[in-house]
N, C-alpha and C. Protein backbone atom coordinates (compact mmCIF):
# COMPACT_ATOMS: atom_id res chain seq x y z
N MET A 1 11.50 -12.48 30.99
CA MET A 1 10.55 -12.68 31.52
C MET A 1 10.44 -13.76 32.62
N PRO A 2 9.82 -13.75 33.43
CA PRO A 2 9.90 -14.83 34.46
C PRO A 2 8.49 -15.95 34.19
N ARG A 3 9.06 -17.39 33.93
CA ARG A 3 8.49 -18.24 33.29
C ARG A 3 7.92 -18.96 35.01
N PHE A 4 6.65 -18.92 34.39
CA PHE A 4 5.58 -19.77 35.57
C PHE A 4 4.80 -20.87 34.68
N LEU A 5 4.41 -21.98 35.44
CA LEU A 5 3.27 -22.89 34.76
C LEU A 5 1.63 -22.93 35.32
N PHE A 6 0.74 -22.67 33.92
CA PHE A 6 -0.28 -22.40 34.27
C PHE A 6 -0.77 -23.89 34.44
N GLN A 7 -1.66 -24.17 35.62
CA GLN A 7 -2.26 -25.07 35.96
C GLN A 7 -3.90 -25.36 35.01
N PRO A 8 -4.44 -25.86 34.35
CA PRO A 8 -5.74 -25.70 33.61
C PRO A 8 -6.51 -26.25 34.30
N ASP A 9 -7.87 -25.83 35.21
CA ASP A 9 -8.75 -26.66 35.63
C ASP A 9 -9.02 -27.92 35.04
N PRO A 10 -9.33 -29.01 35.91
CA PRO A 10 -10.07 -30.24 35.39
C PRO A 10 -10.95 -29.62 34.60
N ILE A 11 -11.46 -30.53 33.17
CA ILE A 11 -13.26 -30.54 32.55
C ILE A 11 -13.69 -31.54 32.77
N ASP A 12 -14.63 -32.10 32.80
CA ASP A 12 -15.07 -32.79 32.98
C ASP A 12 -14.48 -34.18 32.88
N GLU A 13 -13.84 -34.29 34.15
CA GLU A 13 -12.69 -35.60 34.83
C GLU A 13 -11.77 -35.24 34.04
N TYR A 14 -11.22 -34.71 33.16
CA TYR A 14 -10.06 -34.58 32.71
C TYR A 14 -9.18 -34.30 33.35
N GLU A 15 -8.05 -33.98 33.73
CA GLU A 15 -6.94 -33.43 33.92
C GLU A 15 -5.96 -33.63 33.28
N PHE A 16 -5.23 -32.21 33.29
CA PHE A 16 -4.18 -31.75 32.52
C PHE A 16 -2.99 -31.59 33.08
N TYR A 17 -1.93 -31.71 32.09
CA TYR A 17 -0.83 -30.91 32.47
C TYR A 17 -0.29 -29.71 32.59
N PRO A 18 1.13 -29.08 33.58
CA PRO A 18 1.03 -27.73 33.48
C PRO A 18 1.02 -26.87 31.92
N ILE A 19 0.99 -25.89 32.09
CA ILE A 19 1.40 -25.57 30.67
C ILE A 19 2.64 -24.25 31.17
N THR A 20 3.66 -24.02 30.33
CA THR A 20 4.59 -23.27 30.56
C THR A 20 3.96 -21.69 29.99
N ILE A 21 4.00 -20.51 31.06
CA ILE A 21 3.64 -19.37 30.57
C ILE A 21 4.33 -18.51 30.72
N ASP A 22 4.81 -17.30 30.18
CA ASP A 22 5.62 -15.79 30.79
C ASP A 22 4.92 -14.78 31.19
N ILE A 23 5.41 -14.45 32.41
CA ILE A 23 4.37 -13.14 32.63
C ILE A 23 5.11 -12.28 33.19
N HIS A 24 4.63 -11.01 32.73
CA HIS A 24 5.74 -10.04 33.19
C HIS A 24 4.41 -8.52 33.13
N LEU A 25 4.39 -7.91 34.20
CA LEU A 25 3.68 -6.58 34.10
C LEU A 25 2.42 -6.55 33.52
N GLY A 26 1.79 -7.34 33.96
CA GLY A 26 0.32 -7.76 33.55
C GLY A 26 0.08 -8.47 31.89
N ILE A 27 1.19 -8.60 31.45
CA ILE A 27 1.15 -9.28 30.18
C ILE A 27 1.57 -10.62 30.09
N ILE A 28 1.06 -11.75 29.84
CA ILE A 28 0.99 -13.27 29.91
C ILE A 28 1.15 -13.46 28.49
N LYS A 29 2.51 -14.04 28.23
CA LYS A 29 2.90 -14.91 26.91
C LYS A 29 2.98 -16.37 26.73
N ILE A 30 2.28 -17.11 26.32
CA ILE A 30 2.41 -18.63 25.91
C ILE A 30 3.71 -18.47 24.91
N PRO A 31 4.56 -19.09 25.16
CA PRO A 31 5.60 -19.43 24.22
C PRO A 31 5.76 -20.08 23.05
N THR A 32 4.79 -21.30 23.08
CA THR A 32 4.67 -22.13 22.04
C THR A 32 3.66 -21.96 21.48
N GLU A 33 3.38 -22.47 20.65
CA GLU A 33 1.84 -22.87 19.89
C GLU A 33 1.02 -23.90 20.93
N GLU A 34 0.53 -22.80 21.46
CA GLU A 34 -0.47 -23.61 22.42
C GLU A 34 -1.96 -23.72 22.36
N ILE A 35 -2.84 -23.19 23.11
CA ILE A 35 -3.93 -23.00 23.49
C ILE A 35 -4.87 -22.43 23.01
N LEU A 36 -4.53 -20.99 22.40
CA LEU A 36 -5.94 -20.12 22.03
C LEU A 36 -6.02 -20.16 20.76
N ASP A 37 -7.09 -20.20 20.42
CA ASP A 37 -7.97 -20.39 19.36
C ASP A 37 -7.50 -20.48 18.39
N ASP A 38 -7.65 -21.30 17.20
CA ASP A 38 -6.99 -21.60 16.14
C ASP A 38 -7.26 -20.73 14.88
N ASP A 39 -7.86 -19.47 14.86
CA ASP A 39 -7.77 -18.43 14.16
C ASP A 39 -6.46 -18.01 13.86
N ALA A 40 -5.49 -17.85 14.75
CA ALA A 40 -4.04 -17.84 14.60
C ALA A 40 -3.23 -19.05 14.42
N ILE A 41 -3.20 -20.32 13.88
CA ILE A 41 -2.92 -21.35 14.19
C ILE A 41 -1.17 -21.42 13.80
N ASN A 42 -0.16 -20.45 13.01
CA ASN A 42 0.42 -20.40 12.48
C ASN A 42 1.45 -19.75 13.72
N ASN A 43 0.55 -18.87 14.43
CA ASN A 43 1.90 -17.99 15.53
C ASN A 43 2.02 -19.46 16.38
N THR A 44 3.55 -18.99 16.62
CA THR A 44 4.30 -19.66 17.30
C THR A 44 4.19 -18.81 19.14
N GLU A 45 3.81 -18.05 19.09
CA GLU A 45 3.28 -17.91 20.87
C GLU A 45 2.30 -16.62 20.64
N SER A 46 1.54 -16.53 21.85
CA SER A 46 0.38 -15.74 21.83
C SER A 46 0.46 -15.08 23.10
N VAL A 47 -0.10 -13.49 23.17
CA VAL A 47 0.15 -12.77 23.95
C VAL A 47 -1.06 -11.95 24.73
N ILE A 48 -1.39 -11.90 25.64
CA ILE A 48 -2.60 -11.65 26.41
C ILE A 48 -2.14 -10.66 27.21
N VAL A 49 -3.19 -9.56 27.04
CA VAL A 49 -3.09 -8.06 27.79
C VAL A 49 -3.92 -7.99 29.04
N GLY A 50 -4.03 -7.83 30.05
CA GLY A 50 -5.25 -7.41 31.08
C GLY A 50 -4.45 -6.64 31.89
N THR A 51 -5.83 -6.38 32.72
CA THR A 51 -5.30 -5.01 33.53
C THR A 51 -5.29 -5.79 34.73
N ASP A 52 -5.44 -7.34 35.14
CA ASP A 52 -5.84 -7.78 36.41
C ASP A 52 -4.96 -8.76 36.10
N ARG A 53 -4.25 -9.89 36.71
CA ARG A 53 -3.46 -11.24 36.79
C ARG A 53 -4.56 -12.12 36.61
N LYS A 54 -5.24 -12.18 37.63
CA LYS A 54 -6.64 -13.16 37.57
C LYS A 54 -7.31 -13.28 36.80
N GLU A 55 -7.55 -11.83 35.87
CA GLU A 55 -8.51 -11.75 34.92
C GLU A 55 -8.10 -12.37 33.46
N VAL A 56 -6.95 -12.02 33.30
CA VAL A 56 -5.62 -12.92 32.46
C VAL A 56 -5.83 -14.38 32.47
N LEU A 57 -5.75 -14.58 33.80
CA LEU A 57 -5.59 -16.44 33.76
C LEU A 57 -6.84 -17.09 33.53
N ASN A 58 -7.82 -16.01 33.89
CA ASN A 58 -9.11 -16.73 33.80
C ASN A 58 -9.59 -16.64 31.98
N ARG A 59 -9.02 -16.06 31.92
CA ARG A 59 -9.45 -15.39 30.28
C ARG A 59 -8.41 -16.89 29.24
N ILE A 60 -7.20 -17.60 29.84
CA ILE A 60 -6.72 -18.51 29.39
C ILE A 60 -7.42 -19.64 30.02
N GLN A 61 -7.89 -20.04 30.81
CA GLN A 61 -8.65 -20.85 31.27
C GLN A 61 -9.94 -21.32 30.26
N THR A 62 -10.56 -20.15 30.26
CA THR A 62 -12.06 -20.39 29.16
C THR A 62 -11.18 -20.32 27.88
N ALA A 63 -10.13 -20.26 27.62
CA ALA A 63 -9.81 -20.46 26.24
C ALA A 63 -9.72 -21.82 26.16
N PHE A 64 -8.40 -22.23 27.06
CA PHE A 64 -8.26 -24.01 26.89
C PHE A 64 -9.57 -24.72 27.22
N ALA A 65 -10.62 -24.37 28.02
CA ALA A 65 -11.79 -24.75 28.13
C ALA A 65 -12.58 -25.07 26.59
N ARG A 66 -12.42 -23.95 26.20
CA ARG A 66 -13.45 -23.94 24.68
C ARG A 66 -12.43 -24.80 24.17
N GLU A 67 -11.25 -24.87 23.48
CA GLU A 67 -10.48 -25.72 22.81
C GLU A 67 -10.67 -27.04 22.93
N PHE A 68 -10.65 -27.57 24.37
CA PHE A 68 -10.83 -28.80 24.62
C PHE A 68 -12.30 -29.47 24.26
N GLN A 69 -13.31 -28.53 24.43
CA GLN A 69 -14.44 -29.02 24.29
C GLN A 69 -14.67 -29.21 23.00
N ARG A 70 -13.98 -28.19 22.22
CA ARG A 70 -14.07 -28.67 20.62
C ARG A 70 -12.99 -29.56 19.81
N TYR A 71 -12.09 -29.78 20.52
CA TYR A 71 -11.10 -30.49 19.79
C TYR A 71 -10.81 -31.83 20.40
N GLY A 72 -10.68 -31.70 21.90
CA GLY A 72 -9.90 -32.68 22.73
C GLY A 72 -11.31 -33.80 22.72
N LYS A 73 -12.23 -34.01 22.80
CA LYS A 73 -12.75 -35.29 22.84
C LYS A 73 -13.36 -35.88 21.68
N LEU A 74 -13.01 -35.26 20.37
CA LEU A 74 -13.22 -36.04 19.10
C LEU A 74 -12.31 -37.39 19.44
N LYS A 75 -12.95 -37.93 18.36
CA LYS A 75 -12.02 -39.12 17.84
C LYS A 75 -11.29 -39.04 16.64
N GLU A 76 -10.03 -39.47 16.49
CA GLU A 76 -9.14 -39.46 15.52
C GLU A 76 -9.99 -39.63 14.27
N SER A 77 -10.60 -41.15 14.35
CA SER A 77 -11.99 -41.47 13.16
C SER A 77 -12.58 -40.30 12.49
N ASP A 78 -13.16 -39.61 13.54
CA ASP A 78 -13.88 -38.40 13.12
C ASP A 78 -13.36 -37.08 12.42
N ILE A 79 -12.12 -36.79 12.72
CA ILE A 79 -11.43 -35.92 11.65
C ILE A 79 -11.35 -36.80 10.19
N ARG A 80 -11.63 -35.57 9.45
CA ARG A 80 -11.95 -35.94 7.80
C ARG A 80 -10.13 -35.46 7.26
N PRO A 81 -9.74 -36.31 6.62
CA PRO A 81 -8.28 -36.65 6.24
C PRO A 81 -7.36 -35.30 5.89
N MET A 82 -8.45 -34.72 5.38
CA MET A 82 -7.58 -33.42 4.37
C MET A 82 -7.94 -32.11 5.67
N ASP A 83 -8.73 -32.28 6.88
CA ASP A 83 -8.61 -31.33 7.64
C ASP A 83 -7.71 -30.86 8.39
N TYR A 84 -6.48 -30.38 7.66
CA TYR A 84 -5.34 -30.42 8.64
C TYR A 84 -5.58 -29.65 10.15
N GLU A 85 -6.37 -28.24 9.56
CA GLU A 85 -6.33 -27.83 10.81
C GLU A 85 -7.05 -28.17 12.53
N THR A 86 -8.06 -28.80 12.03
CA THR A 86 -8.70 -29.81 13.24
C THR A 86 -7.81 -30.76 13.85
N LYS A 87 -7.11 -31.68 12.76
CA LYS A 87 -5.95 -32.64 12.95
C LYS A 87 -4.80 -31.74 14.16
N GLN A 88 -4.31 -31.03 13.19
CA GLN A 88 -3.22 -30.05 14.34
C GLN A 88 -3.87 -29.48 15.58
N ALA A 89 -5.17 -28.94 15.76
CA ALA A 89 -5.53 -28.63 17.26
C ALA A 89 -5.97 -29.85 17.63
N TRP A 90 -6.08 -30.55 17.38
CA TRP A 90 -6.54 -31.70 18.10
C TRP A 90 -5.31 -32.72 18.80
N THR A 91 -4.17 -32.59 18.25
CA THR A 91 -3.01 -32.95 18.50
C THR A 91 -2.65 -32.21 19.47
N ARG A 92 -2.57 -30.83 19.49
CA ARG A 92 -1.90 -30.30 20.21
C ARG A 92 -2.62 -30.17 21.64
N ILE A 93 -4.04 -30.16 21.60
CA ILE A 93 -4.92 -30.43 22.64
C ILE A 93 -4.70 -31.64 23.80
N ARG A 94 -4.50 -32.35 22.93
CA ARG A 94 -4.48 -33.99 23.56
C ARG A 94 -3.30 -34.29 24.33
N LYS A 95 -2.19 -33.35 23.71
CA LYS A 95 -0.72 -33.75 24.50
C LYS A 95 -0.81 -33.23 25.54
N HIS A 96 -1.70 -32.16 26.73
CA HIS A 96 -1.80 -31.70 27.54
C HIS A 96 -2.91 -32.51 28.77
N ILE A 97 -3.57 -33.45 28.31
CA ILE A 97 -4.57 -34.25 28.63
C ILE A 97 -3.62 -35.40 29.70
N LYS A 98 -3.99 -35.62 31.21
CA LYS A 98 -2.89 -36.24 31.59
C LYS A 98 -3.37 -37.47 31.36
N ASN A 99 -4.82 -38.07 31.66
CA ASN A 99 -5.35 -38.98 31.70
C ASN A 99 -5.63 -39.54 30.23
N ILE A 100 -5.18 -39.71 29.16
CA ILE A 100 -5.87 -39.63 27.95
C ILE A 100 -6.40 -40.65 27.29
N GLU A 101 -5.83 -41.81 28.28
CA GLU A 101 -6.60 -43.18 28.14
C GLU A 101 -7.97 -43.24 28.10
N GLY A 102 -8.46 -42.36 29.01
CA GLY A 102 -10.06 -42.25 29.14
C GLY A 102 -10.64 -41.99 27.71
N ILE A 103 -10.02 -41.19 26.85
CA ILE A 103 -10.37 -40.90 25.55
C ILE A 103 -10.59 -42.14 24.55
N LYS A 104 -11.26 -42.16 23.81
CA LYS A 104 -11.28 -42.96 22.73
C LYS A 104 -11.23 -42.42 21.77
N GLY A 105 -10.28 -42.84 20.91
CA GLY A 105 -9.70 -41.99 19.81
C GLY A 105 -8.21 -41.91 19.06
């Protein structure tokens, strides 16, 4: 599959590094454990199928924004020590933030 970089739109003045995705025949694969909902937190890849590439990219942006709102602005001190799922999601989403110093935590 051809590799592309998906550039998430800025959210609340935060900018993000591009995310590598694979696109082939309307199927987009995120090849590492990245951004889509933590319901499947142990997955090492996510696959999204849609009828239109724009529709699928919009779904990725929506999911990324949802994950950022849920975890990206948390302070590390707000995460309970035994809440491994939240800590993992928090770490994953924050590695994509370019201006991380703007977020305290």
